[in-house]
Amino acid sequence: QVPVLQTNNGPGLTGLMTIAAHLVRQARKDQLLGSTAEEKAVVQQWLEYRVTRVNGGSSKEDTRTILKDLNMHLEDKVYLAGNIFTLADILMYYGLHHIMVDLTVQEKEKYLNVSRWFNHIQHYPGVRQHLSDVVFIKNRLYTNAH
């Protein structure tokens, strides 16, 4: 199911990334696409990942792989593109919401970096909109101590 945006002037736009980038430019929020060439490339990479992997992933194995990939990537980053909030964070949040809602407390702890990132994004002003708040516990359930 490919999204289509009908514009007033010209042909309609097709595809999630195309429409999202167009709307970002219309809103004059170009910083959401990245500031440097590297940031722009990373944003594009994650938007591509969102469309090809997250939208296409339906099995439990696909979900585990996605969460593992993201967890490793976010190990030393606040946002997907490093230290700046971008369109990639917004669209990935929307793509993962249905997955995060269904995770158990133990699964959320297993993917701690994803959980931290997701919780941060859902509280970013204006992002969550109509989606339900995903609850994360503040204290870890298990420690490494025996």
Protein backbone atom coordinates (compact mmCIF):
# COMPACT_ATOMS: atom_id res chain seq x y z
CA GLN A 1 0.00 0.00 0.00
CA VAL A 2 1.90 3.03 -1.32
CA PRO A 3 0.81 6.46 -0.04
CA VAL A 4 -0.10 9.15 -2.59
CA LEU A 5 -0.31 12.90 -1.96
CA GLN A 6 -2.33 14.97 -4.42
CA THR A 7 -0.91 18.48 -4.59
CA ASN A 8 -2.71 21.57 -5.86
CA ASN A 9 -0.05 22.41 -8.41
CA GLY A 10 1.19 19.52 -10.49
CA PRO A 11 1.10 15.75 -10.39
CA GLY A 12 0.56 13.74 -7.21
CA LEU A 13 3.50 12.53 -5.20
CA THR A 14 3.94 8.81 -4.56
CA GLY A 15 5.86 7.03 -1.81
CA LEU A 16 6.41 7.62 1.88
CA MET A 17 9.91 9.12 1.60
CA THR A 18 9.00 11.42 -1.30
CA ILE A 19 5.86 12.72 0.38
CA ALA A 20 7.54 13.14 3.78
CA ALA A 21 10.50 15.06 2.29
CA HIS A 22 8.10 17.26 0.31
CA LEU A 23 6.06 18.09 3.43
CA VAL A 24 9.24 18.86 5.39
CA ARG A 25 10.30 21.35 2.70
CA GLN A 26 6.80 22.85 2.51
CA ALA A 27 6.91 23.43 6.27
CA ARG A 28 10.37 24.99 5.90
CA LYS A 29 11.82 22.48 8.35
CA ASP A 30 14.73 21.40 6.13
CA GLN A 31 16.86 20.65 9.21
CA LEU A 32 14.70 17.52 9.63
CA LEU A 33 16.39 16.14 6.50
CA GLY A 34 19.87 16.69 7.99
CA SER A 35 22.27 19.64 7.90
CA THR A 36 25.50 18.16 6.56
CA ALA A 37 25.94 15.84 3.58
CA GLU A 38 26.67 12.98 5.99
CA GLU A 39 23.55 13.65 8.10
CA LYS A 40 21.42 13.83 4.93
CA ALA A 41 22.81 10.48 3.78
CA VAL A 42 22.15 8.88 7.18
CA VAL A 43 18.58 10.25 7.23
CA GLN A 44 18.01 8.85 3.71
CA GLN A 45 19.48 5.51 4.80
CA TRP A 46 17.07 5.21 7.74
CA LEU A 47 14.10 6.33 5.66
CA GLU A 48 15.02 3.62 3.16
CA TYR A 49 15.35 1.10 6.01
CA ARG A 50 11.92 2.14 7.27
CA VAL A 51 10.31 1.50 3.88
CA THR A 52 12.16 -1.69 2.95
CA ARG A 53 12.66 -3.43 6.31
CA VAL A 54 10.15 -2.09 8.82
CA ASN A 55 7.19 -1.89 6.43
CA GLY A 56 8.10 -5.24 4.88
CA GLY A 57 8.99 -7.05 8.10
CA SER A 58 6.11 -9.11 9.38
CA SER A 59 7.57 -12.21 11.03
CA LYS A 60 8.83 -12.43 14.60
CA GLU A 61 12.30 -13.01 13.17
CA ASP A 62 12.09 -9.83 11.06
CA THR A 63 11.02 -7.88 14.14
CA ARG A 64 13.91 -9.27 16.21
CA THR A 65 16.40 -8.38 13.47
CA ILE A 66 15.04 -4.83 13.19
CA LEU A 67 15.18 -4.30 16.96
CA LYS A 68 18.69 -5.77 17.12
CA ASP A 69 19.91 -3.53 14.25
CA LEU A 70 18.43 -0.43 15.86
CA ASN A 71 19.67 -1.34 19.32
CA MET A 72 23.26 -1.65 18.07
CA HIS A 73 23.02 1.56 16.03
CA LEU A 74 21.62 3.57 18.95
CA GLU A 75 24.26 2.33 21.41
CA ASP A 76 26.19 5.61 21.24
CA LYS A 77 23.60 7.93 19.69
CA VAL A 78 20.66 9.98 20.91
CA TYR A 79 18.91 9.97 17.52
CA LEU A 80 19.17 7.85 14.38
CA ALA A 81 21.29 10.51 12.63
CA GLY A 82 23.52 11.00 15.67
CA ASN A 83 22.81 14.04 17.81
CA ILE A 84 20.07 15.70 15.76
CA PHE A 85 16.36 14.95 15.63
CA THR A 86 15.33 14.21 12.04
CA LEU A 87 12.53 12.92 9.84
CA ALA A 88 14.09 9.46 10.19
CA ASP A 89 13.29 9.48 13.94
CA ILE A 90 9.70 10.53 13.30
CA LEU A 91 8.96 7.99 10.58
CA MET A 92 10.78 5.17 12.36
CA TYR A 93 8.79 5.96 15.52
CA TYR A 94 5.53 5.62 13.58
CA GLY A 95 6.76 2.43 11.90
CA LEU A 96 7.76 0.81 15.20
CA HIS A 97 4.88 1.93 17.42
CA HIS A 98 2.79 -1.21 16.84
CA ILE A 99 5.84 -3.35 17.68
CA MET A 100 6.83 -1.44 20.83
CA VAL A 101 3.27 -1.52 22.20
CA ASP A 102 3.35 -5.33 22.16
CA LEU A 103 6.79 -5.84 23.74
CA THR A 104 6.97 -7.29 27.23
CA VAL A 105 8.91 -5.49 29.96
CA GLN A 106 11.73 -8.03 29.53
CA GLU A 107 11.86 -7.45 25.75
CA LYS A 108 11.99 -3.69 26.26
CA GLU A 109 14.94 -4.22 28.61
CA LYS A 110 16.64 -6.50 26.11
CA TYR A 111 16.50 -3.68 23.54
CA LEU A 112 17.41 -0.97 26.04
CA ASN A 113 18.82 1.52 23.50
CA VAL A 114 15.72 1.22 21.29
CA SER A 115 13.50 1.65 24.35
CA ARG A 116 15.41 4.75 25.48
CA TRP A 117 15.25 6.25 21.98
CA PHE A 118 11.58 5.36 21.47
CA ASN A 119 10.53 6.79 24.83
CA HIS A 120 12.45 9.99 24.06
CA ILE A 121 10.85 10.34 20.59
CA GLN A 122 7.31 9.68 21.83
CA HIS A 123 7.70 12.59 24.26
CA TYR A 124 9.19 14.93 21.66
CA PRO A 125 6.73 17.83 21.18
CA GLY A 126 4.16 17.13 18.47
CA VAL A 127 5.35 13.64 17.53
CA ARG A 128 3.02 11.16 19.24
CA GLN A 129 -0.24 12.72 18.02
CA HIS A 130 -3.03 10.12 18.23
CA LEU A 131 -0.86 7.13 19.12
CA SER A 132 -1.01 5.60 22.58
CA ASP A 133 1.79 6.24 25.07
CA VAL A 134 4.07 3.21 25.37
CA VAL A 135 4.97 2.67 29.01
CA PHE A 136 8.57 2.04 30.03
CA ILE A 137 9.59 1.33 33.60
CA LYS A 138 12.12 3.68 35.12
CA ASN A 139 14.15 1.10 37.05
CA ARG A 140 15.66 -2.03 35.60
CA LEU A 141 14.06 -5.23 36.83
CA TYR A 142 17.20 -7.29 36.85
CA THR A 143 20.72 -6.43 37.86
CA ASN A 144 23.92 -8.26 37.07
CA ALA A 145 24.48 -8.88 40.79
CA HIS A 146 23.73 -12.39 42.08
